[in-house]
Amino acid sequence: MVVRPRRLTRPGRRVGFQPSRRATFETDLGSLGEPSDDQVSDTIKHVVLRLNAIDDGSHPGGAGYDTGEREQLCEYIDETLTEHGFDLAAMAARRGIGRAEIADEWREW
């Protein structure tokens, strides 16, 4: 079972993953098989860059994701990767970072 965040809403604006973007992320993960750390990292990078584009501030009322939304998006990425069998804690340890820092290199929100 894949855990998906609720659609996050604010007056005049909707944020978060649209179903097609979730499907792309999950399809990317499913196609990896037994990936290297670099392949998992590239998949994380792509989803984070897509989220950065949504959060670029050009949307109506857009001041970016709020704290709760950022936490939900990070949880979604983490849980989805875990459900696809990736050991994020081990990958983070091999890279010398904390698990919560796995997307920080690309994340602008």
C-alpha atoms as a PDB file:
ATOM      1  CA  MET A   1       0.000   0.000   0.000  1.00  0.00           C
ATOM      2  CA  VAL A   2       1.352   3.400  -0.958  1.00  0.00           C
ATOM      3  CA  VAL A   3       0.675   6.250   1.438  1.00  0.00           C
ATOM      4  CA  ARG A   4      -0.267   9.479  -0.277  1.00  0.00           C
ATOM      5  CA  PRO A   5      -0.609  12.856   1.360  1.00  0.00           C
ATOM      6  CA  ARG A   6      -3.949  14.591   1.332  1.00  0.00           C
ATOM      7  CA  ARG A   7      -4.334  17.315  -1.219  1.00  0.00           C
ATOM      8  CA  LEU A   8      -3.173  20.388   0.611  1.00  0.00           C
ATOM      9  CA  THR A   9      -5.237  23.480   0.081  1.00  0.00           C
ATOM     10  CA  ARG A  10      -5.116  27.149   0.923  1.00  0.00           C
ATOM     11  CA  PRO A  11      -7.445  29.917  -0.122  1.00  0.00           C
ATOM     12  CA  GLY A  12      -6.792  30.533  -3.805  1.00  0.00           C
ATOM     13  CA  ARG A  13      -4.213  27.783  -4.123  1.00  0.00           C
ATOM     14  CA  ARG A  14      -3.663  24.043  -4.131  1.00  0.00           C
ATOM     15  CA  VAL A  15      -0.296  22.500  -3.508  1.00  0.00           C
ATOM     16  CA  GLY A  16       1.181  19.058  -3.304  1.00  0.00           C
ATOM     17  CA  PHE A  17       1.411  16.240  -5.782  1.00  0.00           C
ATOM     18  CA  GLN A  18      -1.203  15.937  -8.451  1.00  0.00           C
ATOM     19  CA  PRO A  19      -2.131  12.275  -9.162  1.00  0.00           C
ATOM     20  CA  SER A  20      -0.075  12.273 -12.375  1.00  0.00           C
ATOM     21  CA  ARG A  21       3.018  13.509 -10.520  1.00  0.00           C
ATOM     22  CA  ARG A  22       2.597  10.858  -7.823  1.00  0.00           C
ATOM     23  CA  ALA A  23       2.274   8.224 -10.531  1.00  0.00           C
ATOM     24  CA  THR A  24       5.465   9.449 -12.218  1.00  0.00           C
ATOM     25  CA  PHE A  25       7.436   9.326  -8.953  1.00  0.00           C
ATOM     26  CA  GLU A  26       6.098   5.888  -8.070  1.00  0.00           C
ATOM     27  CA  THR A  27       6.629   4.591 -11.615  1.00  0.00           C
ATOM     28  CA  ASP A  28      10.213   5.870 -11.543  1.00  0.00           C
ATOM     29  CA  LEU A  29      10.782   3.986  -8.289  1.00  0.00           C
ATOM     30  CA  GLY A  30       9.140   0.812  -9.535  1.00  0.00           C
ATOM     31  CA  SER A  31      11.327   0.744 -12.634  1.00  0.00           C
ATOM     32  CA  LEU A  32      14.572   0.812 -10.648  1.00  0.00           C
ATOM     33  CA  GLY A  33      14.628  -2.852  -9.601  1.00  0.00           C
ATOM     34  CA  GLU A  34      17.690  -3.125  -7.338  1.00  0.00           C
ATOM     35  CA  PRO A  35      19.120   0.363  -7.680  1.00  0.00           C
ATOM     36  CA  SER A  36      22.399   1.851  -6.616  1.00  0.00           C
ATOM     37  CA  ASP A  37      22.483   4.753  -4.170  1.00  0.00           C
ATOM     38  CA  ASP A  38      23.090   7.061  -7.124  1.00  0.00           C
ATOM     39  CA  GLN A  39      19.936   5.852  -8.910  1.00  0.00           C
ATOM     40  CA  VAL A  40      17.824   6.362  -5.775  1.00  0.00           C
ATOM     41  CA  SER A  41      19.431   9.769  -5.270  1.00  0.00           C
ATOM     42  CA  ASP A  42      18.617  10.750  -8.865  1.00  0.00           C
ATOM     43  CA  THR A  43      14.983   9.727  -8.352  1.00  0.00           C
ATOM     44  CA  ILE A  44      14.794  11.810  -5.178  1.00  0.00           C
ATOM     45  CA  LYS A  45      16.404  14.726  -6.996  1.00  0.00           C
ATOM     46  CA  HIS A  46      13.845  14.590  -9.817  1.00  0.00           C
ATOM     47  CA  VAL A  47      10.838  14.570  -7.493  1.00  0.00           C
ATOM     48  CA  VAL A  48      12.285  17.391  -5.370  1.00  0.00           C
ATOM     49  CA  LEU A  49      12.997  19.516  -8.458  1.00  0.00           C
ATOM     50  CA  ARG A  50       9.383  18.984  -9.567  1.00  0.00           C
ATOM     51  CA  LEU A  51       8.203  20.126  -6.149  1.00  0.00           C
ATOM     52  CA  ASN A  52      10.527  23.144  -6.321  1.00  0.00           C
ATOM     53  CA  ALA A  53       8.847  24.128  -9.595  1.00  0.00           C
ATOM     54  CA  ILE A  54       5.411  23.957  -7.953  1.00  0.00           C
ATOM     55  CA  ASP A  55       6.688  25.999  -5.016  1.00  0.00           C
ATOM     56  CA  ASP A  56       8.300  28.730  -7.108  1.00  0.00           C
ATOM     57  CA  GLY A  57       6.076  31.471  -5.681  1.00  0.00           C
ATOM     58  CA  SER A  58       4.412  32.258  -9.004  1.00  0.00           C
ATOM     59  CA  HIS A  59       1.138  30.583  -8.051  1.00  0.00           C
ATOM     60  CA  PRO A  60      -1.833  32.640  -6.773  1.00  0.00           C
ATOM     61  CA  GLY A  61      -1.237  33.495  -3.132  1.00  0.00           C
ATOM     62  CA  GLY A  62       2.074  31.677  -3.418  1.00  0.00           C
ATOM     63  CA  ALA A  63       4.527  32.293  -0.673  1.00  0.00           C
ATOM     64  CA  GLY A  64       5.716  28.684  -0.835  1.00  0.00           C
ATOM     65  CA  TYR A  65       4.852  25.575   1.105  1.00  0.00           C
ATOM     66  CA  ASP A  66       4.157  26.121   4.771  1.00  0.00           C
ATOM     67  CA  THR A  67       5.831  24.024   7.472  1.00  0.00           C
ATOM     68  CA  GLY A  68       3.076  21.420   7.652  1.00  0.00           C
ATOM     69  CA  GLU A  69       3.046  20.993   3.888  1.00  0.00           C
ATOM     70  CA  ARG A  70       6.828  20.601   3.745  1.00  0.00           C
ATOM     71  CA  GLU A  71       6.679  17.950   6.451  1.00  0.00           C
ATOM     72  CA  GLN A  72       3.923  16.063   4.618  1.00  0.00           C
ATOM     73  CA  LEU A  73       5.836  16.132   1.352  1.00  0.00           C
ATOM     74  CA  CYS A  74       9.025  14.889   3.025  1.00  0.00           C
ATOM     75  CA  GLU A  75       7.070  12.128   4.782  1.00  0.00           C
ATOM     76  CA  TYR A  76       5.475  11.111   1.481  1.00  0.00           C
ATOM     77  CA  ILE A  77       8.862  10.861  -0.240  1.00  0.00           C
ATOM     78  CA  ASP A  78      10.371   8.920   2.679  1.00  0.00           C
ATOM     79  CA  GLU A  79       7.414   6.542   3.078  1.00  0.00           C
ATOM     80  CA  THR A  80       7.105   5.893  -0.640  1.00  0.00           C
ATOM     81  CA  LEU A  81      10.804   5.079  -0.944  1.00  0.00           C
ATOM     82  CA  THR A  82      10.612   2.810   2.114  1.00  0.00           C
ATOM     83  CA  GLU A  83       7.529   1.031   0.767  1.00  0.00           C
ATOM     84  CA  HIS A  84       9.432   0.360  -2.454  1.00  0.00           C
ATOM     85  CA  GLY A  85      12.128  -1.385  -0.385  1.00  0.00           C
ATOM     86  CA  PHE A  86      14.813   1.284  -0.248  1.00  0.00           C
ATOM     87  CA  ASP A  87      16.807   1.520   2.988  1.00  0.00           C
ATOM     88  CA  LEU A  88      17.098   5.287   3.300  1.00  0.00           C
ATOM     89  CA  ALA A  89      18.793   5.136   6.697  1.00  0.00           C
ATOM     90  CA  ALA A  90      21.585   2.978   5.276  1.00  0.00           C
ATOM     91  CA  MET A  91      21.916   5.166   2.181  1.00  0.00           C
ATOM     92  CA  ALA A  92      22.090   8.306   4.315  1.00  0.00           C
ATOM     93  CA  ALA A  93      24.723   6.712   6.557  1.00  0.00           C
ATOM     94  CA  ARG A  94      26.848   5.775   3.535  1.00  0.00           C
ATOM     95  CA  ARG A  95      26.649   9.416   2.417  1.00  0.00           C
ATOM     96  CA  GLY A  96      27.488  10.755   5.888  1.00  0.00           C
ATOM     97  CA  ILE A  97      24.162  12.568   6.355  1.00  0.00           C
ATOM     98  CA  GLY A  98      21.059  12.097   8.461  1.00  0.00           C
ATOM     99  CA  ARG A  99      18.010  10.404   6.965  1.00  0.00           C
ATOM    100  CA  ALA A 100      16.047  13.667   7.207  1.00  0.00           C
ATOM    101  CA  GLU A 101      18.708  15.395   5.079  1.00  0.00           C
ATOM    102  CA  ILE A 102      18.402  13.053   2.097  1.00  0.00           C
ATOM    103  CA  ALA A 103      16.727  15.665  -0.164  1.00  0.00           C
ATOM    104  CA  ASP A 104      18.325  18.821   1.245  1.00  0.00           C
ATOM    105  CA  GLU A 105      20.856  19.133  -1.572  1.00  0.00           C
ATOM    106  CA  TRP A 106      18.074  20.039  -4.034  1.00  0.00           C
ATOM    107  CA  ARG A 107      15.175  21.161  -1.841  1.00  0.00           C
ATOM    108  CA  GLU A 108      14.276  24.873  -1.969  1.00  0.00           C
ATOM    109  CA  TRP A 109      11.238  24.643   0.323  1.00  0.00           C
END
